[in-house]
N, C-alpha and C. Protein backbone atom coordinates (compact mmCIF):
# COMPACT_ATOMS: atom_id res chain seq x y z
N MET A 1 -75.01 -18.20 62.76
CA MET A 1 -74.43 -19.40 63.33
C MET A 1 -72.96 -19.13 63.59
N ASN A 2 -72.53 -19.42 64.81
CA ASN A 2 -71.13 -19.16 65.13
C ASN A 2 -70.27 -20.35 64.71
N ALA A 3 -68.96 -20.16 64.77
CA ALA A 3 -68.02 -21.17 64.27
C ALA A 3 -68.08 -22.46 65.07
N SER A 4 -68.26 -22.36 66.39
CA SER A 4 -68.28 -23.59 67.18
C SER A 4 -69.53 -24.42 66.89
N MET A 5 -70.65 -23.75 66.63
CA MET A 5 -71.86 -24.49 66.26
C MET A 5 -71.68 -25.15 64.90
N ALA A 6 -71.07 -24.40 63.96
CA ALA A 6 -70.85 -24.97 62.63
C ALA A 6 -69.93 -26.17 62.72
N GLN A 7 -68.88 -26.08 63.56
CA GLN A 7 -67.96 -27.20 63.71
C GLN A 7 -68.66 -28.40 64.33
N ALA A 8 -69.51 -28.15 65.34
CA ALA A 8 -70.23 -29.25 65.99
C ALA A 8 -71.17 -29.93 65.00
N LEU A 9 -71.81 -29.14 64.16
CA LEU A 9 -72.71 -29.72 63.16
C LEU A 9 -71.96 -30.42 62.05
N ALA A 10 -70.72 -29.97 61.79
CA ALA A 10 -69.95 -30.53 60.68
C ALA A 10 -69.43 -31.92 60.98
N THR A 11 -69.36 -32.31 62.24
CA THR A 11 -68.79 -33.62 62.55
C THR A 11 -69.65 -34.42 63.53
N PRO A 12 -70.97 -34.58 63.26
CA PRO A 12 -71.76 -35.37 64.18
C PRO A 12 -71.47 -36.84 64.00
N GLY A 13 -71.35 -37.55 65.10
CA GLY A 13 -71.17 -38.99 65.02
C GLY A 13 -69.91 -39.41 64.30
N GLY A 14 -68.92 -38.52 64.16
CA GLY A 14 -67.66 -38.90 63.54
C GLY A 14 -67.65 -38.80 62.03
N THR A 15 -68.74 -38.35 61.39
CA THR A 15 -68.73 -38.22 59.94
C THR A 15 -68.11 -36.89 59.56
N ASP A 16 -67.61 -36.81 58.35
CA ASP A 16 -67.00 -35.58 57.88
C ASP A 16 -68.00 -34.69 57.15
N GLU A 17 -69.17 -35.20 56.81
CA GLU A 17 -70.15 -34.42 56.07
C GLU A 17 -70.97 -33.56 57.01
N PRO A 18 -71.09 -32.25 56.69
CA PRO A 18 -71.93 -31.38 57.51
C PRO A 18 -73.39 -31.83 57.42
N GLN A 19 -74.13 -31.63 58.49
CA GLN A 19 -75.52 -32.05 58.52
C GLN A 19 -76.46 -30.98 57.99
N THR A 20 -76.02 -29.72 57.96
CA THR A 20 -76.86 -28.64 57.44
C THR A 20 -76.09 -27.90 56.36
N LEU A 21 -76.84 -27.25 55.49
CA LEU A 21 -76.21 -26.45 54.45
C LEU A 21 -75.45 -25.28 55.07
N ASP A 22 -75.97 -24.69 56.14
CA ASP A 22 -75.26 -23.60 56.81
C ASP A 22 -73.89 -24.05 57.29
N ALA A 23 -73.83 -25.23 57.88
CA ALA A 23 -72.54 -25.74 58.36
C ALA A 23 -71.60 -26.00 57.19
N PHE A 24 -72.12 -26.54 56.10
CA PHE A 24 -71.28 -26.78 54.92
C PHE A 24 -70.72 -25.47 54.39
N LEU A 25 -71.58 -24.47 54.22
CA LEU A 25 -71.14 -23.18 53.68
C LEU A 25 -70.14 -22.51 54.61
N ALA A 26 -70.34 -22.63 55.92
CA ALA A 26 -69.38 -22.06 56.87
C ALA A 26 -68.03 -22.75 56.75
N SER A 27 -68.03 -24.05 56.51
CA SER A 27 -66.77 -24.79 56.44
C SER A 27 -65.99 -24.53 55.16
N VAL A 28 -66.67 -24.10 54.11
CA VAL A 28 -66.02 -23.94 52.82
C VAL A 28 -65.78 -22.47 52.45
N SER A 29 -66.31 -21.53 53.21
CA SER A 29 -66.29 -20.12 52.80
C SER A 29 -64.89 -19.55 52.61
N ALA A 30 -63.98 -19.76 53.53
CA ALA A 30 -62.63 -19.17 53.41
C ALA A 30 -61.88 -19.75 52.22
N ARG A 31 -61.96 -21.06 52.04
CA ARG A 31 -61.28 -21.71 50.91
C ARG A 31 -61.91 -21.26 49.59
N ALA A 32 -63.21 -21.11 49.57
CA ALA A 32 -63.89 -20.66 48.36
C ALA A 32 -63.46 -19.24 47.99
N PHE A 33 -63.32 -18.39 49.00
CA PHE A 33 -62.88 -17.03 48.73
C PHE A 33 -61.49 -17.02 48.12
N ARG A 34 -60.58 -17.80 48.68
CA ARG A 34 -59.21 -17.83 48.13
C ARG A 34 -59.20 -18.38 46.71
N PHE A 35 -60.01 -19.40 46.46
CA PHE A 35 -60.11 -19.98 45.11
C PHE A 35 -60.62 -18.91 44.14
N ALA A 36 -61.66 -18.19 44.53
CA ALA A 36 -62.22 -17.15 43.67
C ALA A 36 -61.24 -16.00 43.47
N GLU A 37 -60.54 -15.63 44.54
CA GLU A 37 -59.60 -14.52 44.43
C GLU A 37 -58.42 -14.87 43.52
N LEU A 38 -57.97 -16.12 43.56
CA LEU A 38 -56.90 -16.52 42.66
C LEU A 38 -57.37 -16.48 41.21
N GLY A 39 -58.62 -16.84 40.98
CA GLY A 39 -59.14 -16.84 39.62
C GLY A 39 -59.48 -15.46 39.10
N LEU A 40 -59.96 -14.58 39.98
CA LEU A 40 -60.42 -13.26 39.55
C LEU A 40 -59.41 -12.15 39.79
N ARG A 41 -58.51 -12.36 40.77
CA ARG A 41 -57.47 -11.38 41.10
C ARG A 41 -58.05 -10.04 41.54
N HIS A 42 -59.22 -10.09 42.12
CA HIS A 42 -59.87 -8.87 42.58
C HIS A 42 -60.75 -9.23 43.76
N ARG A 43 -60.48 -8.63 44.89
CA ARG A 43 -61.13 -8.99 46.14
C ARG A 43 -62.66 -8.86 46.08
N GLU A 44 -63.16 -7.72 45.61
CA GLU A 44 -64.61 -7.51 45.60
C GLU A 44 -65.31 -8.49 44.66
N ASP A 45 -64.72 -8.75 43.49
CA ASP A 45 -65.31 -9.71 42.57
C ASP A 45 -65.32 -11.11 43.19
N ALA A 46 -64.26 -11.46 43.92
CA ALA A 46 -64.20 -12.77 44.57
C ALA A 46 -65.28 -12.89 45.64
N LEU A 47 -65.46 -11.84 46.43
CA LEU A 47 -66.51 -11.85 47.45
C LEU A 47 -67.88 -12.01 46.79
N ASP A 48 -68.11 -11.29 45.69
CA ASP A 48 -69.39 -11.40 44.97
C ASP A 48 -69.60 -12.81 44.45
N ALA A 49 -68.56 -13.40 43.88
CA ALA A 49 -68.68 -14.74 43.31
C ALA A 49 -69.02 -15.77 44.38
N VAL A 50 -68.36 -15.69 45.52
CA VAL A 50 -68.62 -16.64 46.61
C VAL A 50 -70.03 -16.43 47.16
N GLN A 51 -70.42 -15.19 47.33
CA GLN A 51 -71.76 -14.90 47.84
C GLN A 51 -72.82 -15.43 46.86
N ASP A 52 -72.64 -15.19 45.58
CA ASP A 52 -73.59 -15.68 44.58
C ASP A 52 -73.67 -17.20 44.59
N ALA A 53 -72.53 -17.86 44.72
CA ALA A 53 -72.53 -19.33 44.75
C ALA A 53 -73.25 -19.85 46.00
N MET A 54 -73.04 -19.18 47.12
CA MET A 54 -73.70 -19.61 48.35
C MET A 54 -75.20 -19.39 48.28
N VAL A 55 -75.62 -18.29 47.71
CA VAL A 55 -77.05 -18.04 47.55
C VAL A 55 -77.67 -19.07 46.62
N LYS A 56 -76.98 -19.39 45.56
CA LYS A 56 -77.48 -20.40 44.63
C LYS A 56 -77.61 -21.76 45.32
N MET A 57 -76.68 -22.06 46.23
CA MET A 57 -76.73 -23.34 46.94
C MET A 57 -77.99 -23.47 47.80
N LEU A 58 -78.57 -22.36 48.21
CA LEU A 58 -79.80 -22.43 49.01
C LEU A 58 -80.91 -23.15 48.26
N GLY A 59 -80.89 -23.08 46.95
CA GLY A 59 -81.87 -23.79 46.13
C GLY A 59 -81.64 -25.30 46.11
N TYR A 60 -80.48 -25.74 46.54
CA TYR A 60 -80.14 -27.17 46.54
C TYR A 60 -80.12 -27.74 47.95
N GLN A 61 -80.74 -27.07 48.89
CA GLN A 61 -80.71 -27.47 50.29
C GLN A 61 -81.29 -28.87 50.51
N GLN A 62 -82.23 -29.28 49.69
CA GLN A 62 -82.86 -30.59 49.87
C GLN A 62 -82.04 -31.73 49.28
N ARG A 63 -80.99 -31.41 48.55
CA ARG A 63 -80.12 -32.46 48.00
C ARG A 63 -79.34 -33.12 49.12
N PRO A 64 -78.91 -34.36 48.91
CA PRO A 64 -78.10 -35.02 49.94
C PRO A 64 -76.78 -34.27 50.18
N ALA A 65 -76.31 -34.31 51.42
CA ALA A 65 -75.08 -33.60 51.79
C ALA A 65 -73.89 -34.06 50.96
N SER A 66 -73.90 -35.31 50.51
CA SER A 66 -72.79 -35.83 49.71
C SER A 66 -72.67 -35.13 48.35
N GLU A 67 -73.73 -34.48 47.89
CA GLU A 67 -73.70 -33.78 46.60
C GLU A 67 -73.29 -32.32 46.73
N TRP A 68 -73.28 -31.79 47.95
CA TRP A 68 -73.01 -30.37 48.13
C TRP A 68 -71.62 -29.96 47.68
N THR A 69 -70.59 -30.74 47.96
CA THR A 69 -69.22 -30.34 47.63
C THR A 69 -69.02 -30.17 46.13
N PRO A 70 -69.28 -31.20 45.29
CA PRO A 70 -69.07 -30.98 43.86
C PRO A 70 -70.02 -29.93 43.28
N LEU A 71 -71.22 -29.86 43.80
CA LEU A 71 -72.18 -28.89 43.31
C LEU A 71 -71.72 -27.46 43.62
N PHE A 72 -71.28 -27.24 44.85
CA PHE A 72 -70.82 -25.90 45.23
C PHE A 72 -69.65 -25.45 44.38
N TRP A 73 -68.64 -26.32 44.23
CA TRP A 73 -67.46 -25.93 43.46
C TRP A 73 -67.80 -25.72 41.99
N SER A 74 -68.74 -26.47 41.45
CA SER A 74 -69.18 -26.26 40.07
C SER A 74 -69.86 -24.90 39.93
N VAL A 75 -70.74 -24.59 40.86
CA VAL A 75 -71.45 -23.30 40.83
C VAL A 75 -70.45 -22.15 40.97
N LEU A 76 -69.52 -22.26 41.91
CA LEU A 76 -68.53 -21.21 42.10
C LEU A 76 -67.64 -21.05 40.86
N ARG A 77 -67.21 -22.14 40.31
CA ARG A 77 -66.37 -22.09 39.11
C ARG A 77 -67.11 -21.40 37.97
N SER A 78 -68.39 -21.73 37.78
CA SER A 78 -69.19 -21.10 36.72
C SER A 78 -69.32 -19.61 36.96
N ARG A 79 -69.51 -19.22 38.20
CA ARG A 79 -69.65 -17.80 38.52
C ARG A 79 -68.33 -17.06 38.26
N ILE A 80 -67.21 -17.68 38.59
CA ILE A 80 -65.91 -17.06 38.32
C ILE A 80 -65.71 -16.86 36.83
N ILE A 81 -66.04 -17.87 36.05
CA ILE A 81 -65.91 -17.77 34.59
C ILE A 81 -66.80 -16.66 34.05
N ASP A 82 -68.03 -16.57 34.55
CA ASP A 82 -68.93 -15.50 34.11
C ASP A 82 -68.34 -14.12 34.41
N LEU A 83 -67.81 -13.95 35.60
CA LEU A 83 -67.22 -12.66 35.96
C LEU A 83 -65.97 -12.36 35.13
N GLN A 84 -65.16 -13.38 34.84
CA GLN A 84 -63.98 -13.18 34.00
C GLN A 84 -64.40 -12.74 32.60
N ARG A 85 -65.41 -13.39 32.05
CA ARG A 85 -65.90 -13.03 30.71
C ARG A 85 -66.48 -11.63 30.69
N ARG A 86 -67.27 -11.30 31.72
CA ARG A 86 -67.87 -9.97 31.78
C ARG A 86 -66.78 -8.91 31.88
N ARG A 87 -65.77 -9.16 32.71
CA ARG A 87 -64.68 -8.20 32.86
C ARG A 87 -63.92 -8.04 31.55
N THR A 88 -63.63 -9.15 30.89
CA THR A 88 -62.90 -9.09 29.62
C THR A 88 -63.67 -8.29 28.60
N PHE A 89 -64.97 -8.54 28.52
CA PHE A 89 -65.80 -7.81 27.55
C PHE A 89 -65.84 -6.33 27.91
N ARG A 90 -66.09 -6.03 29.18
CA ARG A 90 -66.19 -4.64 29.63
C ARG A 90 -64.88 -3.91 29.40
N LEU A 91 -63.77 -4.53 29.76
CA LEU A 91 -62.48 -3.87 29.63
C LEU A 91 -62.08 -3.70 28.18
N LYS A 92 -62.48 -4.65 27.34
CA LYS A 92 -62.12 -4.57 25.94
C LYS A 92 -62.79 -3.38 25.27
N TRP A 93 -64.03 -3.12 25.65
CA TRP A 93 -64.80 -2.11 24.94
C TRP A 93 -64.90 -0.77 25.67
N LEU A 94 -64.77 -0.76 26.97
CA LEU A 94 -65.05 0.47 27.69
C LEU A 94 -63.84 1.16 28.28
N ALA A 95 -62.94 0.42 28.86
CA ALA A 95 -61.85 1.08 29.59
C ALA A 95 -60.63 0.18 29.66
N PRO A 96 -59.48 0.78 29.88
CA PRO A 96 -58.28 -0.04 30.10
C PRO A 96 -58.41 -0.77 31.43
N PRO A 97 -57.69 -1.89 31.58
CA PRO A 97 -57.77 -2.62 32.85
C PRO A 97 -57.24 -1.79 34.01
N PRO A 98 -57.83 -1.94 35.18
CA PRO A 98 -57.33 -1.18 36.33
C PRO A 98 -55.89 -1.55 36.66
N ALA A 99 -55.16 -0.61 37.20
CA ALA A 99 -53.74 -0.82 37.49
C ALA A 99 -53.53 -1.90 38.55
N ASP A 100 -54.47 -2.02 39.51
CA ASP A 100 -54.27 -3.00 40.57
C ASP A 100 -54.68 -4.40 40.17
N ASP A 101 -55.17 -4.60 38.95
CA ASP A 101 -55.64 -5.90 38.49
C ASP A 101 -54.52 -6.93 38.42
N GLU A 102 -53.30 -6.50 38.17
CA GLU A 102 -52.18 -7.43 38.04
C GLU A 102 -51.31 -7.47 39.29
N GLY A 103 -51.72 -6.74 40.33
CA GLY A 103 -50.92 -6.67 41.55
C GLY A 103 -51.02 -7.95 42.36
N PRO A 104 -50.31 -7.96 43.46
CA PRO A 104 -50.33 -9.15 44.32
C PRO A 104 -51.71 -9.37 44.93
N VAL A 105 -51.98 -10.58 45.32
CA VAL A 105 -53.26 -10.92 45.92
C VAL A 105 -53.36 -10.25 47.28
N ASP A 106 -54.46 -9.56 47.52
CA ASP A 106 -54.72 -8.91 48.80
C ASP A 106 -55.60 -9.85 49.60
N TRP A 107 -54.97 -10.66 50.47
CA TRP A 107 -55.69 -11.69 51.20
C TRP A 107 -56.71 -11.08 52.13
N ALA A 108 -57.85 -11.74 52.26
CA ALA A 108 -58.91 -11.28 53.14
C ALA A 108 -58.51 -11.39 54.60
N ASP A 109 -57.81 -12.44 54.95
CA ASP A 109 -57.43 -12.70 56.32
C ASP A 109 -55.93 -12.50 56.46
N PRO A 110 -55.47 -11.46 57.14
CA PRO A 110 -54.03 -11.24 57.23
C PRO A 110 -53.30 -12.27 58.08
N GLY A 111 -54.04 -12.98 58.93
CA GLY A 111 -53.42 -14.01 59.76
C GLY A 111 -53.29 -15.31 58.99
N PRO A 112 -52.52 -16.24 59.52
CA PRO A 112 -52.33 -17.51 58.83
C PRO A 112 -53.62 -18.32 58.83
N ASP A 113 -53.85 -19.04 57.77
CA ASP A 113 -55.00 -19.92 57.65
C ASP A 113 -54.80 -21.09 58.61
N PRO A 114 -55.79 -21.46 59.40
CA PRO A 114 -55.60 -22.52 60.39
C PRO A 114 -55.09 -23.83 59.80
N SER A 115 -55.53 -24.16 58.60
CA SER A 115 -55.08 -25.42 58.01
C SER A 115 -53.64 -25.35 57.51
N ARG A 116 -53.08 -24.16 57.51
CA ARG A 116 -51.71 -24.01 57.01
C ARG A 116 -50.81 -23.31 58.03
N THR A 117 -51.07 -23.52 59.31
CA THR A 117 -50.29 -22.82 60.34
C THR A 117 -48.82 -23.19 60.30
N HIS A 118 -48.50 -24.37 59.80
CA HIS A 118 -47.11 -24.79 59.75
C HIS A 118 -46.34 -24.10 58.61
N ASP A 119 -47.06 -23.56 57.64
CA ASP A 119 -46.40 -22.85 56.53
C ASP A 119 -46.23 -21.39 56.89
N SER A 120 -45.17 -20.82 56.48
CA SER A 120 -45.00 -19.39 56.69
C SER A 120 -45.83 -18.62 55.66
N ARG A 121 -46.20 -17.43 56.00
CA ARG A 121 -47.01 -16.59 55.09
C ARG A 121 -46.25 -16.33 53.79
N GLU A 122 -44.94 -16.15 53.91
CA GLU A 122 -44.14 -15.87 52.71
C GLU A 122 -44.21 -17.03 51.71
N SER A 123 -44.09 -18.24 52.19
CA SER A 123 -44.12 -19.38 51.27
C SER A 123 -45.51 -19.54 50.66
N TYR A 124 -46.54 -19.26 51.44
CA TYR A 124 -47.90 -19.37 50.90
C TYR A 124 -48.14 -18.28 49.84
N GLU A 125 -47.61 -17.08 50.07
CA GLU A 125 -47.75 -16.01 49.09
C GLU A 125 -47.00 -16.37 47.80
N ARG A 126 -45.85 -17.00 47.93
CA ARG A 126 -45.10 -17.44 46.74
C ARG A 126 -45.89 -18.48 45.96
N LEU A 127 -46.52 -19.39 46.69
CA LEU A 127 -47.36 -20.38 46.02
C LEU A 127 -48.53 -19.70 45.32
N ALA A 128 -49.16 -18.74 45.97
CA ALA A 128 -50.28 -18.02 45.36
C ALA A 128 -49.83 -17.29 44.10
N MET A 129 -48.68 -16.66 44.16
CA MET A 129 -48.15 -15.96 42.98
C MET A 129 -47.85 -16.95 41.85
N ALA A 130 -47.27 -18.08 42.21
CA ALA A 130 -46.96 -19.10 41.21
C ALA A 130 -48.25 -19.66 40.61
N LEU A 131 -49.26 -19.85 41.43
CA LEU A 131 -50.56 -20.33 40.92
C LEU A 131 -51.18 -19.33 39.96
N GLN A 132 -51.01 -18.03 40.23
CA GLN A 132 -51.56 -17.01 39.34
C GLN A 132 -50.94 -17.08 37.95
N ARG A 133 -49.71 -17.51 37.88
CA ARG A 133 -49.02 -17.58 36.58
C ARG A 133 -49.45 -18.79 35.75
N LEU A 134 -50.12 -19.74 36.37
CA LEU A 134 -50.57 -20.93 35.65
C LEU A 134 -51.78 -20.60 34.78
N PRO A 135 -51.95 -21.34 33.68
CA PRO A 135 -53.20 -21.21 32.92
C PRO A 135 -54.38 -21.60 33.82
N ALA A 136 -55.55 -21.05 33.53
CA ALA A 136 -56.72 -21.22 34.40
C ALA A 136 -57.05 -22.69 34.67
N ARG A 137 -57.03 -23.54 33.65
CA ARG A 137 -57.40 -24.94 33.84
C ARG A 137 -56.40 -25.67 34.74
N GLN A 138 -55.11 -25.35 34.59
CA GLN A 138 -54.11 -25.97 35.45
C GLN A 138 -54.27 -25.49 36.89
N ARG A 139 -54.54 -24.19 37.05
CA ARG A 139 -54.74 -23.63 38.38
C ARG A 139 -55.96 -24.27 39.05
N GLU A 140 -57.04 -24.44 38.30
CA GLU A 140 -58.25 -25.06 38.84
C GLU A 140 -57.99 -26.51 39.24
N ALA A 141 -57.33 -27.26 38.37
CA ALA A 141 -57.04 -28.67 38.66
C ALA A 141 -56.18 -28.78 39.92
N PHE A 142 -55.14 -27.97 40.02
CA PHE A 142 -54.25 -28.03 41.17
C PHE A 142 -55.00 -27.64 42.45
N THR A 143 -55.74 -26.57 42.40
CA THR A 143 -56.45 -26.09 43.59
C THR A 143 -57.48 -27.11 44.07
N LEU A 144 -58.26 -27.65 43.14
CA LEU A 144 -59.31 -28.59 43.54
C LEU A 144 -58.73 -29.93 44.00
N ARG A 145 -57.72 -30.43 43.30
CA ARG A 145 -57.17 -31.75 43.65
C ARG A 145 -56.24 -31.68 44.86
N VAL A 146 -55.34 -30.72 44.90
CA VAL A 146 -54.31 -30.69 45.93
C VAL A 146 -54.76 -29.89 47.15
N LEU A 147 -55.22 -28.67 46.95
CA LEU A 147 -55.58 -27.84 48.09
C LEU A 147 -56.94 -28.22 48.68
N GLU A 148 -57.91 -28.52 47.83
CA GLU A 148 -59.23 -28.91 48.32
C GLU A 148 -59.35 -30.41 48.54
N GLU A 149 -58.39 -31.17 48.05
CA GLU A 149 -58.33 -32.62 48.22
C GLU A 149 -59.56 -33.34 47.68
N LEU A 150 -60.11 -32.84 46.56
CA LEU A 150 -61.20 -33.54 45.90
C LEU A 150 -60.62 -34.70 45.10
N ASP A 151 -61.38 -35.75 44.92
CA ASP A 151 -60.89 -36.87 44.12
C ASP A 151 -60.96 -36.51 42.64
N VAL A 152 -60.35 -37.35 41.80
CA VAL A 152 -60.26 -37.07 40.37
C VAL A 152 -61.66 -36.97 39.75
N GLY A 153 -62.55 -37.88 40.12
CA GLY A 153 -63.89 -37.88 39.56
C GLY A 153 -64.67 -36.62 39.89
N THR A 154 -64.60 -36.20 41.14
CA THR A 154 -65.30 -34.98 41.56
C THR A 154 -64.69 -33.76 40.89
N THR A 155 -63.38 -33.72 40.80
CA THR A 155 -62.71 -32.61 40.13
C THR A 155 -63.11 -32.54 38.66
N ALA A 156 -63.18 -33.67 38.00
CA ALA A 156 -63.60 -33.71 36.60
C ALA A 156 -65.04 -33.20 36.47
N GLN A 157 -65.88 -33.58 37.40
CA GLN A 157 -67.28 -33.13 37.38
C GLN A 157 -67.34 -31.61 37.57
N VAL A 158 -66.58 -31.09 38.51
CA VAL A 158 -66.56 -29.65 38.77
C VAL A 158 -66.03 -28.88 37.57
N MET A 159 -64.97 -29.38 36.96
CA MET A 159 -64.34 -28.69 35.84
C MET A 159 -65.04 -28.93 34.51
N GLY A 160 -65.92 -29.91 34.46
CA GLY A 160 -66.64 -30.20 33.23
C GLY A 160 -65.75 -30.82 32.16
N CYS A 161 -64.88 -31.72 32.58
CA CYS A 161 -63.98 -32.38 31.63
C CYS A 161 -63.80 -33.83 32.05
N SER A 162 -62.99 -34.56 31.32
CA SER A 162 -62.76 -35.98 31.64
C SER A 162 -61.73 -36.11 32.76
N GLU A 163 -61.70 -37.28 33.38
CA GLU A 163 -60.71 -37.54 34.42
C GLU A 163 -59.29 -37.48 33.86
N GLY A 164 -59.12 -37.93 32.63
CA GLY A 164 -57.81 -37.86 31.98
C GLY A 164 -57.33 -36.42 31.82
N SER A 165 -58.26 -35.52 31.48
CA SER A 165 -57.90 -34.10 31.35
C SER A 165 -57.49 -33.53 32.69
N VAL A 166 -58.19 -33.92 33.75
CA VAL A 166 -57.82 -33.45 35.09
C VAL A 166 -56.39 -33.89 35.40
N LYS A 167 -56.08 -35.14 35.12
CA LYS A 167 -54.74 -35.66 35.41
C LYS A 167 -53.68 -34.93 34.59
N THR A 168 -53.99 -34.63 33.33
CA THR A 168 -53.05 -33.91 32.47
C THR A 168 -52.83 -32.50 33.00
N HIS A 169 -53.92 -31.78 33.30
CA HIS A 169 -53.81 -30.42 33.82
C HIS A 169 -53.04 -30.41 35.13
N LEU A 170 -53.31 -31.37 36.00
CA LEU A 170 -52.63 -31.43 37.29
C LEU A 170 -51.14 -31.71 37.11
N SER A 171 -50.80 -32.61 36.23
CA SER A 171 -49.40 -32.93 35.99
C SER A 171 -48.65 -31.71 35.45
N ARG A 172 -49.25 -31.02 34.51
CA ARG A 172 -48.62 -29.82 33.95
C ARG A 172 -48.50 -28.72 35.01
N ALA A 173 -49.52 -28.59 35.85
CA ALA A 173 -49.47 -27.58 36.91
C ALA A 173 -48.35 -27.89 37.89
N ARG A 174 -48.22 -29.15 38.28
CA ARG A 174 -47.16 -29.53 39.22
C ARG A 174 -45.79 -29.28 38.62
N ASP A 175 -45.61 -29.61 37.33
CA ASP A 175 -44.33 -29.37 36.68
C ASP A 175 -44.00 -27.87 36.66
N ALA A 176 -44.98 -27.06 36.28
CA ALA A 176 -44.77 -25.62 36.21
C ALA A 176 -44.49 -25.03 37.59
N LEU A 177 -45.23 -25.48 38.59
CA LEU A 177 -45.01 -24.98 39.95
C LEU A 177 -43.64 -25.39 40.48
N GLN A 178 -43.24 -26.62 40.17
CA GLN A 178 -41.93 -27.08 40.62
C GLN A 178 -40.83 -26.21 40.02
N LYS A 179 -40.95 -25.88 38.73
CA LYS A 179 -39.95 -25.04 38.09
C LYS A 179 -39.95 -23.63 38.68
N GLN A 180 -41.14 -23.10 38.96
CA GLN A 180 -41.24 -21.74 39.51
C GLN A 180 -40.72 -21.66 40.95
N LEU A 181 -40.94 -22.73 41.72
CA LEU A 181 -40.63 -22.69 43.14
C LEU A 181 -39.35 -23.40 43.54
N GLU A 182 -38.62 -23.99 42.57
CA GLU A 182 -37.45 -24.80 42.92
C GLU A 182 -36.32 -23.97 43.56
N ASP A 183 -36.22 -22.68 43.25
CA ASP A 183 -35.17 -21.88 43.86
C ASP A 183 -35.57 -21.33 45.22
N PHE A 184 -36.83 -21.51 45.60
CA PHE A 184 -37.30 -21.07 46.91
C PHE A 184 -37.29 -22.23 47.88
N ARG A 185 -36.48 -22.17 48.88
CA ARG A 185 -36.41 -23.25 49.88
C ARG A 185 -36.30 -22.70 51.24
């Protein structure tokens, strides 16, 4: 399915919900990759996590389209956590961490993201670096609430915590990001 078909299916009759699972997955793939890459800090692992989450979503094709967003992000988040745990275990017992594991994020798309064309690449990279320095729960809360624009209830469902915890994590993330980015203008 090409991008124009996915876009046409994503907005029939003025609704924002995609009508097919293919259209939904096409609309969320780039954002999901960036979310996974920020969490895993490794391009191949991020691609694997997104692919696994998308394959798993095929089993939920008969669910209403309104359930796809929180379900997809929950599945992806679980897959990221699994890969992080597997890597931690493997690295602890078998080998030292790879040297490139702590390096800068190697973005999949070297061009600007269409939703962020007004931002310069440098400022987006600074935000990505600042997000990497946040604890995982704060990074997840910020990414899901601010970048993905999910509501508090959906974010809590995806993260497996209460709405109050989401608000706390988000507040702490915003404070930390503000301190990290205040000298960059």
